[in-house]
Amino acid sequence: LAAALGLLPTLLPLNRDPARERQLLQLAALAASRFTPQLVLGEQLLQMEVQGSLRLFGGLPSLLRSLRRCVDGLGLKPQLGIALTATAAALLARCQAGAATTPARMQQRLDALPLQAAAPDLAGLLHGIGCRTLGDVRALPRRGLQRRGGAVLLALLDRAYGDAPDPQTWFEPPREFAQTLELMQRADDTGMLDGAALRLVQALAGWLAHRWLAAASFSLWLQHETRGRHAQAPTRLRIELGQPSRDAAQLMLLLRERLSRLALPAPVYGLQLQLDEAVALAGHAA
């Protein structure tokens, strides 16, 4: 840290906050719900089953471009892995190994992955017998590896290569939408709220698409810092739409217009976006 501050004295050091990371990943899951209803929320990992969505979004390259734009709006930089099984996709993403959309290509990509990616606890032991990649491990006799504590690794590889079922627990969005986001630093003017508000709006748009709904009205609550002995009441911006919508760009445009006309009574340290009223919009394009 001292060296970093020497290079950049204006650097703002921040400690990792696992709770905030999980919250942001949940916002990403909500935003991505517009691409598929089948998502899995893991540890620093978001998985999506998109086979049934490819035709709707014009194929895999088009879907990936839309997904990247959505995730970029959340301030995240994803490492994507694409495979025929969920476990294989997770391994490819962690190693930045790209896409494998055929069985032969998936096996080739998985075989080349470093052993450390799948079994960090066993890596030292297996390195001693000449194993460096997952392909090396698969070439070992299964019984011998099981006796040496490799049963969990073998089960993981079976799921990754498609030799065993790979069941997942699907992400369930909340029944009602009301998401909060704490700011990294206080905001003294509304222009500093744009990025955080966009994250919440992206999540709302995904939630609406998942529920086949459109927003008729929603509210943005601004949580203020306390001044003196008295707490400052939150500021509410209520947006009513003449035509219900679930398009993130349109919702954000309306919100920006209202924010641009607002004078903050006190600095803001957090936001909450709440859906007030929604209408059914099944069967209509976003």
Protein backbone atom coordinates (compact mmCIF):
# COMPACT_ATOMS: atom_id res chain seq x y z
CA LEU A 1 0.00 0.00 0.00
CA ALA A 2 2.83 2.41 0.79
CA ALA A 3 4.33 1.83 -2.66
CA ALA A 4 0.95 2.35 -4.32
CA LEU A 5 0.40 5.62 -2.45
CA GLY A 6 3.90 6.70 -3.45
CA LEU A 7 2.97 6.24 -7.10
CA LEU A 8 -0.48 7.78 -6.73
CA PRO A 9 -0.88 9.99 -3.63
CA THR A 10 -4.58 10.57 -4.39
CA LEU A 11 -5.33 6.84 -4.23
CA LEU A 12 -8.31 5.99 -2.02
CA PRO A 13 -7.67 2.65 -0.24
CA LEU A 14 -10.73 0.51 0.42
CA ASN A 15 -11.03 -2.70 2.41
CA ARG A 16 -12.84 -5.62 0.82
CA ASP A 17 -16.45 -5.90 1.93
CA PRO A 18 -17.85 -9.41 1.23
CA ALA A 19 -21.39 -8.31 2.08
CA ARG A 20 -21.26 -5.50 -0.50
CA GLU A 21 -19.79 -7.89 -3.05
CA ARG A 22 -22.66 -10.35 -2.53
CA GLN A 23 -25.17 -7.51 -2.80
CA LEU A 24 -23.68 -6.31 -6.08
CA LEU A 25 -23.66 -9.87 -7.44
CA GLN A 26 -27.35 -10.16 -6.55
CA LEU A 27 -28.03 -6.94 -8.46
CA ALA A 28 -26.19 -8.50 -11.41
CA ALA A 29 -28.39 -11.61 -11.14
CA LEU A 30 -31.52 -9.46 -11.16
CA ALA A 31 -30.26 -7.47 -14.17
CA ALA A 32 -29.36 -10.66 -16.04
CA SER A 33 -32.82 -12.11 -15.43
CA ARG A 34 -33.97 -10.44 -18.64
CA PHE A 35 -31.78 -12.87 -20.62
CA THR A 36 -32.91 -16.09 -18.92
CA PRO A 37 -34.98 -17.11 -15.90
CA GLN A 38 -32.46 -19.84 -15.07
CA LEU A 39 -29.58 -18.36 -13.08
CA VAL A 40 -27.31 -19.69 -10.35
CA LEU A 41 -25.79 -17.35 -7.77
CA GLY A 42 -22.47 -18.65 -6.42
CA GLU A 43 -19.43 -17.33 -4.59
CA GLN A 44 -18.14 -14.53 -6.84
CA LEU A 45 -19.90 -16.36 -9.66
CA LEU A 46 -23.08 -15.88 -11.67
CA GLN A 47 -24.13 -18.70 -13.97
CA MET A 48 -26.80 -18.54 -16.67
CA GLU A 49 -28.43 -21.34 -18.68
CA VAL A 50 -29.00 -19.62 -22.03
CA GLN A 51 -29.75 -22.43 -24.50
CA GLY A 52 -33.44 -21.53 -24.54
CA SER A 53 -32.70 -17.82 -25.04
CA LEU A 54 -30.38 -17.98 -28.06
CA ARG A 55 -33.07 -17.67 -30.73
CA LEU A 56 -34.79 -14.80 -28.92
CA PHE A 57 -31.57 -12.76 -28.73
CA GLY A 58 -30.29 -13.59 -32.21
CA GLY A 59 -27.69 -16.20 -31.36
CA LEU A 60 -24.88 -16.51 -28.84
CA PRO A 61 -22.62 -13.63 -30.06
CA SER A 62 -25.55 -11.18 -29.99
CA LEU A 63 -26.65 -12.36 -26.54
CA LEU A 64 -23.10 -11.98 -25.19
CA ARG A 65 -22.85 -8.42 -26.51
CA SER A 66 -26.12 -7.51 -24.79
CA LEU A 67 -25.01 -9.22 -21.61
CA ARG A 68 -21.69 -7.34 -21.56
CA ARG A 69 -23.46 -4.00 -22.00
CA CYS A 70 -25.77 -4.87 -19.14
CA VAL A 71 -22.94 -5.92 -16.81
CA ASP A 72 -20.81 -2.91 -17.79
CA GLY A 73 -23.70 -0.72 -16.61
CA LEU A 74 -23.30 -2.32 -13.19
CA GLY A 75 -19.63 -1.32 -13.04
CA LEU A 76 -18.45 -4.94 -13.27
CA LYS A 77 -15.85 -6.47 -15.59
CA PRO A 78 -16.75 -10.15 -16.02
CA GLN A 79 -14.62 -13.10 -17.01
CA LEU A 80 -16.89 -15.22 -19.20
CA GLY A 81 -16.77 -18.99 -19.54
CA ILE A 82 -19.11 -20.84 -21.90
CA ALA A 83 -19.54 -24.60 -21.87
CA LEU A 84 -22.09 -27.41 -22.05
CA THR A 85 -22.12 -27.96 -18.28
CA ALA A 86 -22.33 -25.47 -15.43
CA THR A 87 -19.18 -26.74 -13.68
CA ALA A 88 -17.15 -26.58 -16.90
CA ALA A 89 -18.32 -23.02 -17.56
CA ALA A 90 -17.26 -22.00 -14.04
CA LEU A 91 -13.79 -23.51 -14.45
CA LEU A 92 -13.29 -21.87 -17.86
CA ALA A 93 -14.39 -18.50 -16.49
CA ARG A 94 -11.98 -18.65 -13.54
CA CYS A 95 -9.10 -19.47 -15.89
CA GLN A 96 -10.22 -17.03 -18.62
CA ALA A 97 -10.28 -19.97 -21.03
CA GLY A 98 -13.12 -18.71 -23.23
CA ALA A 99 -15.87 -20.76 -24.87
CA ALA A 100 -16.30 -24.46 -25.55
CA THR A 101 -19.62 -25.13 -27.25
CA THR A 102 -19.00 -28.66 -28.56
CA PRO A 103 -18.16 -31.81 -26.54
CA ALA A 104 -14.77 -32.23 -28.22
CA ARG A 105 -13.81 -28.58 -27.74
CA MET A 106 -14.97 -28.64 -24.12
CA GLN A 107 -12.86 -31.70 -23.32
CA GLN A 108 -9.84 -30.10 -25.01
CA ARG A 109 -10.22 -26.85 -23.06
CA LEU A 110 -10.80 -28.62 -19.74
CA ASP A 111 -7.85 -30.98 -20.22
CA ALA A 112 -5.54 -27.97 -20.61
CA LEU A 113 -6.68 -26.19 -17.44
CA PRO A 114 -4.18 -26.02 -14.55
CA LEU A 115 -4.86 -28.40 -11.68
CA GLN A 116 -4.83 -25.47 -9.25
CA ALA A 117 -8.13 -24.22 -10.75
CA ALA A 118 -10.09 -27.29 -9.62
CA ALA A 119 -8.17 -28.73 -6.67
CA PRO A 120 -5.92 -26.21 -4.89
CA ASP A 121 -5.75 -28.47 -1.82
CA LEU A 122 -4.51 -31.46 -3.81
CA ALA A 123 -2.34 -29.55 -6.26
CA GLY A 124 0.87 -29.96 -4.23
CA LEU A 125 0.40 -33.71 -3.79
CA LEU A 126 -0.48 -34.32 -7.44
CA HIS A 127 2.33 -32.11 -8.70
CA GLY A 128 4.67 -34.54 -6.94
CA ILE A 129 3.55 -37.35 -9.25
CA GLY A 130 3.77 -35.24 -12.39
CA CYS A 131 0.19 -33.93 -12.71
CA ARG A 132 -0.09 -30.34 -13.87
CA THR A 133 -3.43 -30.20 -15.70
CA LEU A 134 -6.90 -31.68 -15.41
CA GLY A 135 -6.08 -33.92 -18.35
CA ASP A 136 -3.15 -35.38 -16.39
CA VAL A 137 -5.46 -36.16 -13.47
CA ARG A 138 -8.02 -37.88 -15.69
CA ALA A 139 -5.28 -40.16 -17.01
CA LEU A 140 -4.59 -41.50 -13.50
CA PRO A 141 -6.24 -44.71 -12.26
CA ARG A 142 -9.48 -43.65 -10.51
CA ARG A 143 -9.18 -46.13 -7.63
CA GLY A 144 -5.71 -44.98 -6.69
CA LEU A 145 -6.73 -41.33 -6.75
CA GLN A 146 -9.79 -42.05 -4.60
CA ARG A 147 -7.64 -43.77 -1.96
CA ARG A 148 -5.44 -40.67 -1.81
CA GLY A 149 -8.31 -38.31 -1.05
CA GLY A 150 -9.26 -37.41 -4.61
CA ALA A 151 -12.91 -38.52 -4.51
CA VAL A 152 -14.21 -34.92 -4.37
CA LEU A 153 -11.98 -33.92 -7.28
CA LEU A 154 -13.15 -36.88 -9.37
CA ALA A 155 -16.79 -36.01 -8.69
CA LEU A 156 -16.14 -32.40 -9.78
CA LEU A 157 -14.44 -33.56 -12.97
CA ASP A 158 -17.30 -35.95 -13.76
CA ARG A 159 -19.76 -33.05 -13.51
CA ALA A 160 -17.53 -30.76 -15.55
CA TYR A 161 -16.98 -33.24 -18.39
CA GLY A 162 -20.63 -34.27 -18.50
CA ASP A 163 -20.05 -37.80 -17.18
CA ALA A 164 -22.36 -37.22 -14.21
CA PRO A 165 -25.44 -35.03 -13.58
CA ASP A 166 -24.67 -31.41 -12.71
CA PRO A 167 -27.76 -30.17 -10.82
CA GLN A 168 -27.96 -26.52 -9.76
CA THR A 169 -30.07 -24.47 -7.35
CA TRP A 170 -31.79 -21.75 -9.34
CA PHE A 171 -31.72 -18.14 -8.20
CA GLU A 172 -35.12 -16.95 -6.99
CA PRO A 173 -35.72 -13.18 -7.38
CA PRO A 174 -37.60 -11.48 -4.51
CA ARG A 175 -41.37 -11.35 -4.79
CA GLU A 176 -41.30 -7.53 -4.54
CA PHE A 177 -38.64 -5.16 -5.83
CA ALA A 178 -36.98 -2.85 -3.29
CA GLN A 179 -33.19 -2.81 -3.56
CA THR A 180 -30.74 -0.65 -1.63
CA LEU A 181 -27.19 0.35 -2.47
CA GLU A 182 -24.69 2.08 -0.20
CA LEU A 183 -22.46 4.61 -1.96
CA MET A 184 -18.69 4.21 -1.89
CA GLN A 185 -18.40 7.87 -0.87
CA ARG A 186 -20.90 10.56 -0.03
CA ALA A 187 -22.54 12.41 -2.90
CA ASP A 188 -22.79 16.18 -2.63
CA ASP A 189 -24.66 16.66 -5.91
CA THR A 190 -27.04 14.55 -7.97
CA GLY A 191 -24.52 14.04 -10.77
CA MET A 192 -22.57 11.72 -8.46
CA LEU A 193 -25.61 9.43 -8.12
CA ASP A 194 -25.81 8.39 -11.77
CA GLY A 195 -23.69 5.24 -11.61
CA ALA A 196 -25.33 3.85 -8.48
CA ALA A 197 -28.82 4.66 -9.76
CA LEU A 198 -28.04 2.88 -13.06
CA ARG A 199 -27.13 -0.31 -11.18
CA LEU A 200 -30.48 -0.29 -9.43
CA VAL A 201 -32.42 0.49 -12.62
CA GLN A 202 -30.69 -2.36 -14.49
CA ALA A 203 -31.72 -4.71 -11.69
CA LEU A 204 -35.30 -3.43 -11.83
CA ALA A 205 -35.49 -3.93 -15.60
CA GLY A 206 -34.29 -7.53 -15.25
CA TRP A 207 -36.73 -8.22 -12.41
CA LEU A 208 -39.62 -6.86 -14.49
CA ALA A 209 -38.66 -8.98 -17.50
CA HIS A 210 -38.43 -12.08 -15.28
CA ARG A 211 -41.94 -11.41 -13.92
CA TRP A 212 -43.42 -10.39 -17.31
CA LEU A 213 -44.27 -6.98 -15.88
CA ALA A 214 -43.75 -3.32 -16.77
CA ALA A 215 -43.27 -0.46 -14.32
CA ALA A 216 -46.11 2.05 -14.06
CA SER A 217 -44.45 3.97 -11.22
CA PHE A 218 -41.34 3.62 -9.08
CA SER A 219 -39.52 5.62 -6.39
CA LEU A 220 -35.90 6.43 -5.70
CA TRP A 221 -35.17 7.15 -2.02
CA LEU A 222 -32.05 9.15 -1.18
CA GLN A 223 -30.60 8.37 2.25
CA HIS A 224 -28.85 11.42 3.73
CA GLU A 225 -26.10 11.90 6.26
CA THR A 226 -27.11 12.98 9.74
CA ARG A 227 -26.48 16.65 10.49
CA GLY A 228 -25.90 17.54 14.13
CA ARG A 229 -28.25 15.75 16.47
CA HIS A 230 -31.14 15.42 14.05
CA ALA A 231 -31.45 12.78 11.35
CA GLN A 232 -32.24 14.13 7.89
CA ALA A 233 -35.39 12.53 6.45
CA PRO A 234 -34.82 10.63 3.19
CA THR A 235 -35.72 12.34 -0.07
CA ARG A 236 -38.19 10.53 -2.31
CA LEU A 237 -38.33 10.87 -6.08
CA ARG A 238 -41.48 9.25 -7.45
CA ILE A 239 -41.54 8.54 -11.19
CA GLU A 240 -44.89 7.89 -12.89
CA LEU A 241 -44.81 6.62 -16.46
CA GLY A 242 -47.43 7.59 -19.01
CA GLN A 243 -46.71 4.29 -20.80
CA PRO A 244 -45.58 1.37 -18.58
CA SER A 245 -42.12 0.11 -19.51
CA ARG A 246 -39.40 -2.32 -18.49
CA ASP A 247 -36.70 -0.81 -20.71
CA ALA A 248 -33.72 0.19 -18.55
CA ALA A 249 -32.66 3.04 -20.86
CA GLN A 250 -36.11 4.64 -20.74
CA LEU A 251 -36.44 4.25 -16.97
CA MET A 252 -32.98 5.74 -16.45
CA LEU A 253 -33.73 8.68 -18.76
CA LEU A 254 -36.79 9.61 -16.71
CA LEU A 255 -34.84 9.27 -13.47
CA ARG A 256 -31.97 11.46 -14.72
CA GLU A 257 -34.40 14.20 -15.69
CA ARG A 258 -35.86 14.27 -12.19
CA LEU A 259 -32.45 14.13 -10.52
CA SER A 260 -31.16 17.03 -12.63
CA ARG A 261 -33.88 19.28 -11.19
CA LEU A 262 -33.32 18.25 -7.57
CA ALA A 263 -31.36 20.27 -5.01
CA LEU A 264 -30.00 17.97 -2.33
CA PRO A 265 -30.90 19.07 1.22
CA ALA A 266 -27.89 17.11 2.55
CA PRO A 267 -25.16 14.78 1.23
CA VAL A 268 -26.35 11.31 0.17
CA TYR A 269 -24.77 8.07 1.37
CA GLY A 270 -27.23 5.47 0.05
CA LEU A 271 -30.01 4.79 -2.45
CA GLN A 272 -33.10 2.61 -2.49
CA LEU A 273 -35.11 1.88 -5.62
CA GLN A 274 -38.64 0.66 -5.03
CA LEU A 275 -41.26 -0.47 -7.53
CA ASP A 276 -44.57 1.14 -6.58
CA GLU A 277 -46.91 -0.12 -9.29
CA ALA A 278 -46.56 -2.58 -12.16
CA VAL A 279 -48.80 -3.96 -14.91
CA ALA A 280 -48.70 -7.21 -16.83
CA LEU A 281 -46.75 -7.08 -20.08
CA ALA A 282 -46.54 -10.71 -21.20
CA GLY A 283 -45.97 -11.32 -24.87
CA HIS A 284 -44.78 -7.78 -25.67
CA ALA A 285 -41.27 -6.83 -26.74
CA ALA A 286 -39.30 -4.74 -24.30
